[in-house]
Amino acid sequence: MARRVVQFSCGSASAVAAKLTVTNHTDVAIINAFIKEEHPDNRRFLADCEKWIGREITVLRDERFGASVHEVWRREKFMVSAHGAPCSRALKQRVMDAWKRPDDIMVLGFTAEEEDRYDDLCERLQGRKIEAPLIAAGLTKADCHGLLTRAGIMLPQGYRDGFLNANCRGCPKGGMGYWNKVRVVYPEFFAEAMAIQESIGPGAYFFVNRTTGERFGLKDLRPDQGRIEDEPEIECSFFCALADQEFRRAALRAAS
């Protein structure tokens, strides 16, 4: 019988997906990729969830870059592109590839409102065995927050700081509103990301001036630009990296 592997991202959705999977199946592993730039409260949340789920969570850790997003950016000399971020692949996908079994069924924390995104991912990753128990159960992200709160588990600090996820403190996939919030809530991470960006040069700039079409970086981001409420939620998981990988393959096929 194939093993089910839940990718625990220290978010509420993946926590509830893990709980559902362990409740309904016997051969289940729960994995998490440690990232240096995540909030340390994520480790508290992981420990609380282990007790609630009743299962140990296996923590994987990259050694090549010291599990550091900032170190990946410095050494790879880029931060994000149309095909994704190098940190997701280096710190999550590669450690997963070294750990997984060929017949594993991967369990993802897509919620009911993300069914279209899940369907798109399934189409792009044909041949891979994946499941989304939250969609099957009709559970939304708000439902997941509520289930954890009723279980007496405090949500990760990232949520309590007003972000939509518990990812790294400063994700290159974020928009102007997101980064302006990082500037206020995590100023040291904003400053370090800006310094790395400037050391790489204009090729690492995230944003585009809608009037001129020119790219610009964190150094030139005005505090009044963007609204985090209007931006899509940032995804940063093992399967996010897989999807990025597939996008690059498709682009190469189209160009050949």
C-alpha atoms as a PDB file:
ATOM      1  CA  MET A   1       0.000   0.000   0.000  1.00  0.00           C
ATOM      2  CA  ALA A   2       1.339   3.427  -0.943  1.00  0.00           C
ATOM      3  CA  ARG A   3       2.308   5.834   1.804  1.00  0.00           C
ATOM      4  CA  ARG A   4       0.554   9.190   2.098  1.00  0.00           C
ATOM      5  CA  VAL A   5       2.893  12.121   2.717  1.00  0.00           C
ATOM      6  CA  VAL A   6       1.492  15.376   4.060  1.00  0.00           C
ATOM      7  CA  GLN A   7       3.556  18.498   3.369  1.00  0.00           C
ATOM      8  CA  PHE A   8       3.190  20.496   6.594  1.00  0.00           C
ATOM      9  CA  SER A   9       3.988  24.149   5.886  1.00  0.00           C
ATOM     10  CA  CYS A  10       3.283  25.498   9.400  1.00  0.00           C
ATOM     11  CA  GLY A  11       0.010  26.903   8.080  1.00  0.00           C
ATOM     12  CA  SER A  12      -3.495  26.138   9.312  1.00  0.00           C
ATOM     13  CA  ALA A  13      -4.625  24.383   6.114  1.00  0.00           C
ATOM     14  CA  SER A  14      -1.760  21.897   6.042  1.00  0.00           C
ATOM     15  CA  ALA A  15      -2.265  21.203   9.763  1.00  0.00           C
ATOM     16  CA  VAL A  16      -5.918  20.263   9.245  1.00  0.00           C
ATOM     17  CA  ALA A  17      -5.039  18.265   6.113  1.00  0.00           C
ATOM     18  CA  ALA A  18      -2.568  16.282   8.227  1.00  0.00           C
ATOM     19  CA  LYS A  19      -5.172  15.676  10.943  1.00  0.00           C
ATOM     20  CA  LEU A  20      -7.734  14.435   8.393  1.00  0.00           C
ATOM     21  CA  THR A  21      -5.214  12.174   6.675  1.00  0.00           C
ATOM     22  CA  VAL A  22      -4.010  10.560   9.904  1.00  0.00           C
ATOM     23  CA  THR A  23      -7.646  10.079  10.975  1.00  0.00           C
ATOM     24  CA  ASN A  24      -8.588   8.263   7.763  1.00  0.00           C
ATOM     25  CA  HIS A  25      -5.402   6.373   6.823  1.00  0.00           C
ATOM     26  CA  THR A  26      -2.758   4.286   8.558  1.00  0.00           C
ATOM     27  CA  ASP A  27       0.435   4.639   6.527  1.00  0.00           C
ATOM     28  CA  VAL A  28       1.010   8.405   6.780  1.00  0.00           C
ATOM     29  CA  ALA A  29       4.139  10.538   7.071  1.00  0.00           C
ATOM     30  CA  ILE A  30       4.073  14.270   7.798  1.00  0.00           C
ATOM     31  CA  ILE A  31       7.044  16.328   6.643  1.00  0.00           C
ATOM     32  CA  ASN A  32       8.186  19.905   7.065  1.00  0.00           C
ATOM     33  CA  ALA A  33      11.092  21.818   5.534  1.00  0.00           C
ATOM     34  CA  PHE A  34      12.850  24.010   8.075  1.00  0.00           C
ATOM     35  CA  ILE A  35      13.582  27.497   6.731  1.00  0.00           C
ATOM     36  CA  LYS A  36      15.827  29.871   8.651  1.00  0.00           C
ATOM     37  CA  GLU A  37      13.868  32.989   7.665  1.00  0.00           C
ATOM     38  CA  GLU A  38      10.497  31.722   8.914  1.00  0.00           C
ATOM     39  CA  HIS A  39       9.224  33.112  12.209  1.00  0.00           C
ATOM     40  CA  PRO A  40      10.521  31.057  15.169  1.00  0.00           C
ATOM     41  CA  ASP A  41       6.926  30.733  16.385  1.00  0.00           C
ATOM     42  CA  ASN A  42       6.417  28.249  13.531  1.00  0.00           C
ATOM     43  CA  ARG A  43       8.353  25.700  15.628  1.00  0.00           C
ATOM     44  CA  ARG A  44       5.934  26.225  18.535  1.00  0.00           C
ATOM     45  CA  PHE A  45       2.992  25.750  16.174  1.00  0.00           C
ATOM     46  CA  LEU A  46       4.538  22.567  14.749  1.00  0.00           C
ATOM     47  CA  ALA A  47       4.978  21.112  18.248  1.00  0.00           C
ATOM     48  CA  ASP A  48       1.383  21.987  19.179  1.00  0.00           C
ATOM     49  CA  CYS A  49       0.130  20.334  15.990  1.00  0.00           C
ATOM     50  CA  GLU A  50       2.133  17.174  16.659  1.00  0.00           C
ATOM     51  CA  LYS A  51       0.202  16.762  19.923  1.00  0.00           C
ATOM     52  CA  TRP A  52      -3.143  17.497  18.261  1.00  0.00           C
ATOM     53  CA  ILE A  53      -2.552  15.225  15.267  1.00  0.00           C
ATOM     54  CA  GLY A  54      -0.995  12.510  17.416  1.00  0.00           C
ATOM     55  CA  ARG A  55       1.889  11.970  15.049  1.00  0.00           C
ATOM     56  CA  GLU A  56       5.504  13.145  14.884  1.00  0.00           C
ATOM     57  CA  ILE A  57       6.343  15.541  12.061  1.00  0.00           C
ATOM     58  CA  THR A  58       9.593  14.802  10.226  1.00  0.00           C
ATOM     59  CA  VAL A  59      11.599  18.001   9.765  1.00  0.00           C
ATOM     60  CA  LEU A  60      13.850  18.099   6.704  1.00  0.00           C
ATOM     61  CA  ARG A  61      16.669  20.621   6.543  1.00  0.00           C
ATOM     62  CA  ASP A  62      18.824  21.730   3.644  1.00  0.00           C
ATOM     63  CA  GLU A  63      22.568  21.645   4.324  1.00  0.00           C
ATOM     64  CA  ARG A  64      23.978  23.158   1.144  1.00  0.00           C
ATOM     65  CA  PHE A  65      22.607  26.652   1.893  1.00  0.00           C
ATOM     66  CA  GLY A  66      22.177  26.292   5.641  1.00  0.00           C
ATOM     67  CA  ALA A  67      18.372  26.248   5.109  1.00  0.00           C
ATOM     68  CA  SER A  68      18.621  29.996   4.412  1.00  0.00           C
ATOM     69  CA  VAL A  69      16.575  31.780   1.767  1.00  0.00           C
ATOM     70  CA  HIS A  70      18.942  34.738   1.889  1.00  0.00           C
ATOM     71  CA  GLU A  71      21.940  32.493   1.286  1.00  0.00           C
ATOM     72  CA  VAL A  72      20.229  30.976  -1.774  1.00  0.00           C
ATOM     73  CA  TRP A  73      19.613  34.456  -3.173  1.00  0.00           C
ATOM     74  CA  ARG A  74      23.218  35.508  -2.603  1.00  0.00           C
ATOM     75  CA  ARG A  75      24.796  32.419  -4.130  1.00  0.00           C
ATOM     76  CA  GLU A  76      22.334  31.876  -6.986  1.00  0.00           C
ATOM     77  CA  LYS A  77      22.355  35.632  -7.734  1.00  0.00           C
ATOM     78  CA  PHE A  78      18.648  35.911  -8.359  1.00  0.00           C
ATOM     79  CA  MET A  79      15.548  36.076  -6.171  1.00  0.00           C
ATOM     80  CA  VAL A  80      12.503  35.363  -8.324  1.00  0.00           C
ATOM     81  CA  SER A  81      11.498  35.022 -11.967  1.00  0.00           C
ATOM     82  CA  ALA A  82       8.454  34.155 -14.037  1.00  0.00           C
ATOM     83  CA  HIS A  83       9.325  30.518 -13.353  1.00  0.00           C
ATOM     84  CA  GLY A  84       9.407  30.817  -9.569  1.00  0.00           C
ATOM     85  CA  ALA A  85      11.893  31.406  -6.788  1.00  0.00           C
ATOM     86  CA  PRO A  86      15.217  29.572  -6.386  1.00  0.00           C
ATOM     87  CA  CYS A  87      14.698  29.256  -2.619  1.00  0.00           C
ATOM     88  CA  SER A  88      11.615  27.027  -3.028  1.00  0.00           C
ATOM     89  CA  ARG A  89      13.516  24.609  -5.225  1.00  0.00           C
ATOM     90  CA  ALA A  90      16.753  24.619  -3.217  1.00  0.00           C
ATOM     91  CA  LEU A  91      15.305  24.428   0.286  1.00  0.00           C
ATOM     92  CA  LYS A  92      12.122  22.445  -0.284  1.00  0.00           C
ATOM     93  CA  GLN A  93      12.026  20.527  -3.538  1.00  0.00           C
ATOM     94  CA  ARG A  94      15.573  19.163  -3.386  1.00  0.00           C
ATOM     95  CA  VAL A  95      15.291  17.917   0.188  1.00  0.00           C
ATOM     96  CA  MET A  96      11.959  16.343  -0.728  1.00  0.00           C
ATOM     97  CA  ASP A  97      13.439  14.594  -3.766  1.00  0.00           C
ATOM     98  CA  ALA A  98      16.136  13.064  -1.575  1.00  0.00           C
ATOM     99  CA  TRP A  99      13.576  11.815   0.971  1.00  0.00           C
ATOM    100  CA  LYS A 100      10.499  10.638  -0.951  1.00  0.00           C
ATOM    101  CA  ARG A 101       9.603   7.217  -2.340  1.00  0.00           C
ATOM    102  CA  PRO A 102       8.482   6.787  -5.971  1.00  0.00           C
ATOM    103  CA  ASP A 103       5.022   5.510  -5.014  1.00  0.00           C
ATOM    104  CA  ASP A 104       4.206   8.145  -2.356  1.00  0.00           C
ATOM    105  CA  ILE A 105       0.820   9.852  -2.500  1.00  0.00           C
ATOM    106  CA  MET A 106       1.377  13.525  -1.726  1.00  0.00           C
ATOM    107  CA  VAL A 107      -1.275  15.266   0.373  1.00  0.00           C
ATOM    108  CA  LEU A 108      -1.704  19.015  -0.141  1.00  0.00           C
ATOM    109  CA  GLY A 109      -3.461  21.664   1.935  1.00  0.00           C
ATOM    110  CA  PHE A 110      -5.559  23.208  -0.839  1.00  0.00           C
ATOM    111  CA  THR A 111      -8.826  24.505   0.637  1.00  0.00           C
ATOM    112  CA  ALA A 112     -12.332  24.483  -0.854  1.00  0.00           C
ATOM    113  CA  GLU A 113     -11.919  27.960  -2.365  1.00  0.00           C
ATOM    114  CA  GLU A 114      -8.764  26.793  -4.165  1.00  0.00           C
ATOM    115  CA  GLU A 115     -10.290  23.927  -6.137  1.00  0.00           C
ATOM    116  CA  ASP A 116      -9.522  25.573  -9.495  1.00  0.00           C
ATOM    117  CA  ARG A 117      -5.859  25.947  -8.555  1.00  0.00           C
ATOM    118  CA  TYR A 118      -5.734  22.325  -7.412  1.00  0.00           C
ATOM    119  CA  ASP A 119      -7.305  21.139 -10.689  1.00  0.00           C
ATOM    120  CA  ASP A 120      -4.759  23.174 -12.640  1.00  0.00           C
ATOM    121  CA  LEU A 121      -1.913  21.645 -10.648  1.00  0.00           C
ATOM    122  CA  CYS A 122      -3.246  18.119 -11.211  1.00  0.00           C
ATOM    123  CA  GLU A 123      -3.335  18.802 -14.946  1.00  0.00           C
ATOM    124  CA  ARG A 124       0.243  20.081 -14.961  1.00  0.00           C
ATOM    125  CA  LEU A 125       1.566  17.259 -12.807  1.00  0.00           C
ATOM    126  CA  GLN A 126      -0.035  14.363 -14.635  1.00  0.00           C
ATOM    127  CA  GLY A 127       1.214  11.018 -13.417  1.00  0.00           C
ATOM    128  CA  ARG A 128       1.922  12.214  -9.869  1.00  0.00           C
ATOM    129  CA  LYS A 129      -0.325  10.923  -7.121  1.00  0.00           C
ATOM    130  CA  ILE A 130      -1.736  13.835  -5.148  1.00  0.00           C
ATOM    131  CA  GLU A 131      -4.754  14.367  -2.888  1.00  0.00           C
ATOM    132  CA  ALA A 132      -6.471  17.390  -1.366  1.00  0.00           C
ATOM    133  CA  PRO A 133      -8.558  16.222   1.625  1.00  0.00           C
ATOM    134  CA  LEU A 134      -9.724  19.733   2.526  1.00  0.00           C
ATOM    135  CA  ILE A 135     -11.379  20.133  -0.877  1.00  0.00           C
ATOM    136  CA  ALA A 136     -12.961  16.686  -0.528  1.00  0.00           C
ATOM    137  CA  ALA A 137     -14.320  17.725   2.881  1.00  0.00           C
ATOM    138  CA  GLY A 138     -15.461  21.169   1.666  1.00  0.00           C
ATOM    139  CA  LEU A 139     -13.276  22.971   4.229  1.00  0.00           C
ATOM    140  CA  THR A 140     -12.265  26.604   3.671  1.00  0.00           C
ATOM    141  CA  LYS A 141      -9.221  28.368   5.115  1.00  0.00           C
ATOM    142  CA  ALA A 142     -11.501  30.073   7.653  1.00  0.00           C
ATOM    143  CA  ASP A 143     -12.770  26.622   8.663  1.00  0.00           C
ATOM    144  CA  CYS A 144      -9.181  25.499   9.246  1.00  0.00           C
ATOM    145  CA  HIS A 145      -8.456  28.546  11.416  1.00  0.00           C
ATOM    146  CA  GLY A 146     -11.605  27.781  13.394  1.00  0.00           C
ATOM    147  CA  LEU A 147     -10.806  24.098  13.897  1.00  0.00           C
ATOM    148  CA  LEU A 148      -7.365  24.913  15.267  1.00  0.00           C
ATOM    149  CA  THR A 149      -8.698  27.654  17.533  1.00  0.00           C
ATOM    150  CA  ARG A 150     -11.347  25.307  18.934  1.00  0.00           C
ATOM    151  CA  ALA A 151      -8.608  22.736  19.530  1.00  0.00           C
ATOM    152  CA  GLY A 152      -6.798  25.304  21.679  1.00  0.00           C
ATOM    153  CA  ILE A 153      -3.946  25.851  19.223  1.00  0.00           C
ATOM    154  CA  MET A 154      -2.762  29.428  18.722  1.00  0.00           C
ATOM    155  CA  LEU A 155      -2.247  30.288  15.068  1.00  0.00           C
ATOM    156  CA  PRO A 156       1.338  31.038  13.928  1.00  0.00           C
ATOM    157  CA  GLN A 157       2.679  34.533  14.548  1.00  0.00           C
ATOM    158  CA  GLY A 158       2.663  35.295  10.822  1.00  0.00           C
ATOM    159  CA  TYR A 159      -1.142  35.136  10.769  1.00  0.00           C
ATOM    160  CA  ARG A 160      -1.372  37.167  13.969  1.00  0.00           C
ATOM    161  CA  ASP A 161       0.894  39.800  12.418  1.00  0.00           C
ATOM    162  CA  GLY A 162      -1.658  40.244   9.624  1.00  0.00           C
ATOM    163  CA  PHE A 163      -0.173  38.107   6.851  1.00  0.00           C
ATOM    164  CA  LEU A 164      -2.205  35.538   4.921  1.00  0.00           C
ATOM    165  CA  ASN A 165       0.306  32.757   5.517  1.00  0.00           C
ATOM    166  CA  ALA A 166       3.126  31.609   7.780  1.00  0.00           C
ATOM    167  CA  ASN A 167       5.827  31.602   5.106  1.00  0.00           C
ATOM    168  CA  CYS A 168       9.216  33.305   5.289  1.00  0.00           C
ATOM    169  CA  ARG A 169       9.434  36.838   6.619  1.00  0.00           C
ATOM    170  CA  GLY A 170       9.924  38.422   3.221  1.00  0.00           C
ATOM    171  CA  CYS A 171       8.914  36.310   0.218  1.00  0.00           C
ATOM    172  CA  PRO A 172      10.062  37.397  -3.281  1.00  0.00           C
ATOM    173  CA  LYS A 173       6.682  36.313  -4.672  1.00  0.00           C
ATOM    174  CA  GLY A 174       4.920  39.040  -2.674  1.00  0.00           C
ATOM    175  CA  GLY A 175       3.602  42.260  -4.174  1.00  0.00           C
ATOM    176  CA  MET A 176       4.131  45.887  -3.216  1.00  0.00           C
ATOM    177  CA  GLY A 177       1.511  45.849  -0.465  1.00  0.00           C
ATOM    178  CA  TYR A 178       2.992  42.702   1.015  1.00  0.00           C
ATOM    179  CA  TRP A 179       6.510  44.132   1.054  1.00  0.00           C
ATOM    180  CA  ASN A 180       5.353  47.387   2.599  1.00  0.00           C
ATOM    181  CA  LYS A 181       3.830  45.346   5.413  1.00  0.00           C
ATOM    182  CA  VAL A 182       7.129  43.453   5.776  1.00  0.00           C
ATOM    183  CA  ARG A 183       8.842  46.864   6.007  1.00  0.00           C
ATOM    184  CA  VAL A 184       6.677  47.721   9.028  1.00  0.00           C
ATOM    185  CA  VAL A 185       6.386  44.351  10.800  1.00  0.00           C
ATOM    186  CA  TYR A 186       9.793  42.811  10.026  1.00  0.00           C
ATOM    187  CA  PRO A 187      12.043  45.801   9.185  1.00  0.00           C
ATOM    188  CA  GLU A 188      15.287  43.841   9.560  1.00  0.00           C
ATOM    189  CA  PHE A 189      14.142  41.311   6.932  1.00  0.00           C
ATOM    190  CA  PHE A 190      13.073  44.103   4.589  1.00  0.00           C
ATOM    191  CA  ALA A 191      16.501  45.748   4.979  1.00  0.00           C
ATOM    192  CA  GLU A 192      18.412  42.518   4.356  1.00  0.00           C
ATOM    193  CA  ALA A 193      16.327  41.594   1.315  1.00  0.00           C
ATOM    194  CA  MET A 194      16.878  45.106  -0.103  1.00  0.00           C
ATOM    195  CA  ALA A 195      20.628  44.847   0.466  1.00  0.00           C
ATOM    196  CA  ILE A 196      20.797  41.467  -1.276  1.00  0.00           C
ATOM    197  CA  GLN A 197      18.678  42.768  -4.150  1.00  0.00           C
ATOM    198  CA  GLU A 198      20.941  45.763  -4.657  1.00  0.00           C
ATOM    199  CA  SER A 199      24.055  43.571  -4.520  1.00  0.00           C
ATOM    200  CA  ILE A 200      22.647  41.415  -7.349  1.00  0.00           C
ATOM    201  CA  GLY A 201      21.491  44.384  -9.404  1.00  0.00           C
ATOM    202  CA  PRO A 202      18.411  45.398 -11.433  1.00  0.00           C
ATOM    203  CA  GLY A 203      17.872  41.828 -12.640  1.00  0.00           C
ATOM    204  CA  ALA A 204      16.660  40.976  -9.137  1.00  0.00           C
ATOM    205  CA  TYR A 205      14.018  43.716  -8.985  1.00  0.00           C
ATOM    206  CA  PHE A 206      10.484  42.472  -8.158  1.00  0.00           C
ATOM    207  CA  PHE A 207       8.199  45.279  -9.296  1.00  0.00           C
ATOM    208  CA  VAL A 208       7.164  46.993 -12.526  1.00  0.00           C
ATOM    209  CA  ASN A 209       6.179  50.634 -12.942  1.00  0.00           C
ATOM    210  CA  ARG A 210       2.796  50.439 -14.676  1.00  0.00           C
ATOM    211  CA  THR A 211       3.337  53.769 -16.423  1.00  0.00           C
ATOM    212  CA  THR A 212       6.862  53.327 -17.780  1.00  0.00           C
ATOM    213  CA  GLY A 213       7.146  49.536 -17.757  1.00  0.00           C
ATOM    214  CA  GLU A 214      10.476  49.810 -15.924  1.00  0.00           C
ATOM    215  CA  ARG A 215      11.372  47.364 -13.181  1.00  0.00           C
ATOM    216  CA  PHE A 216      12.265  48.670  -9.725  1.00  0.00           C
ATOM    217  CA  GLY A 217      13.310  47.210  -6.412  1.00  0.00           C
ATOM    218  CA  LEU A 218      12.686  47.504  -2.705  1.00  0.00           C
ATOM    219  CA  LYS A 219      14.977  50.538  -2.472  1.00  0.00           C
ATOM    220  CA  ASP A 220      12.533  52.558  -4.600  1.00  0.00           C
ATOM    221  CA  LEU A 221       9.305  51.144  -3.149  1.00  0.00           C
ATOM    222  CA  ARG A 222       7.247  53.984  -1.655  1.00  0.00           C
ATOM    223  CA  PRO A 223       5.477  53.243   1.652  1.00  0.00           C
ATOM    224  CA  ASP A 224       2.116  54.135   0.108  1.00  0.00           C
ATOM    225  CA  GLN A 225       2.337  51.694  -2.810  1.00  0.00           C
ATOM    226  CA  GLY A 226       0.212  48.558  -2.987  1.00  0.00           C
ATOM    227  CA  ARG A 227      -2.472  47.048  -0.778  1.00  0.00           C
ATOM    228  CA  ILE A 228      -1.783  43.637   0.722  1.00  0.00           C
ATOM    229  CA  GLU A 229      -5.563  43.044   0.885  1.00  0.00           C
ATOM    230  CA  ASP A 230      -5.732  43.147  -2.925  1.00  0.00           C
ATOM    231  CA  GLU A 231      -2.897  40.684  -3.505  1.00  0.00           C
ATOM    232  CA  PRO A 232      -3.221  36.914  -3.962  1.00  0.00           C
ATOM    233  CA  GLU A 233      -2.055  34.654  -1.178  1.00  0.00           C
ATOM    234  CA  ILE A 234       1.564  33.561  -1.525  1.00  0.00           C
ATOM    235  CA  GLU A 235       2.119  29.823  -1.959  1.00  0.00           C
ATOM    236  CA  CYS A 236       5.474  28.304  -1.114  1.00  0.00           C
ATOM    237  CA  SER A 237       5.424  24.515  -0.843  1.00  0.00           C
ATOM    238  CA  PHE A 238       7.084  21.444  -2.286  1.00  0.00           C
ATOM    239  CA  PHE A 239       4.434  21.293  -4.988  1.00  0.00           C
ATOM    240  CA  CYS A 240       4.751  24.993  -5.710  1.00  0.00           C
ATOM    241  CA  ALA A 241       8.360  24.210  -6.640  1.00  0.00           C
ATOM    242  CA  LEU A 242       7.224  21.230  -8.716  1.00  0.00           C
ATOM    243  CA  ALA A 243       4.772  23.401 -10.611  1.00  0.00           C
ATOM    244  CA  ASP A 244       7.515  25.974 -11.262  1.00  0.00           C
ATOM    245  CA  GLN A 245       9.658  23.134 -12.596  1.00  0.00           C
ATOM    246  CA  GLU A 246       6.888  22.039 -14.943  1.00  0.00           C
ATOM    247  CA  PHE A 247       6.374  25.608 -16.191  1.00  0.00           C
ATOM    248  CA  ARG A 248      10.054  25.757 -17.170  1.00  0.00           C
ATOM    249  CA  ARG A 249       9.852  22.418 -18.979  1.00  0.00           C
ATOM    250  CA  ALA A 250       6.793  23.570 -20.906  1.00  0.00           C
ATOM    251  CA  ALA A 251       8.565  26.788 -21.907  1.00  0.00           C
ATOM    252  CA  LEU A 252      11.567  24.818 -23.141  1.00  0.00           C
ATOM    253  CA  ARG A 253       9.346  22.472 -25.155  1.00  0.00           C
ATOM    254  CA  ALA A 254       7.556  25.435 -26.738  1.00  0.00           C
ATOM    255  CA  ALA A 255      10.866  27.060 -27.660  1.00  0.00           C
ATOM    256  CA  SER A 256      12.348  23.941 -29.260  1.00  0.00           C
END
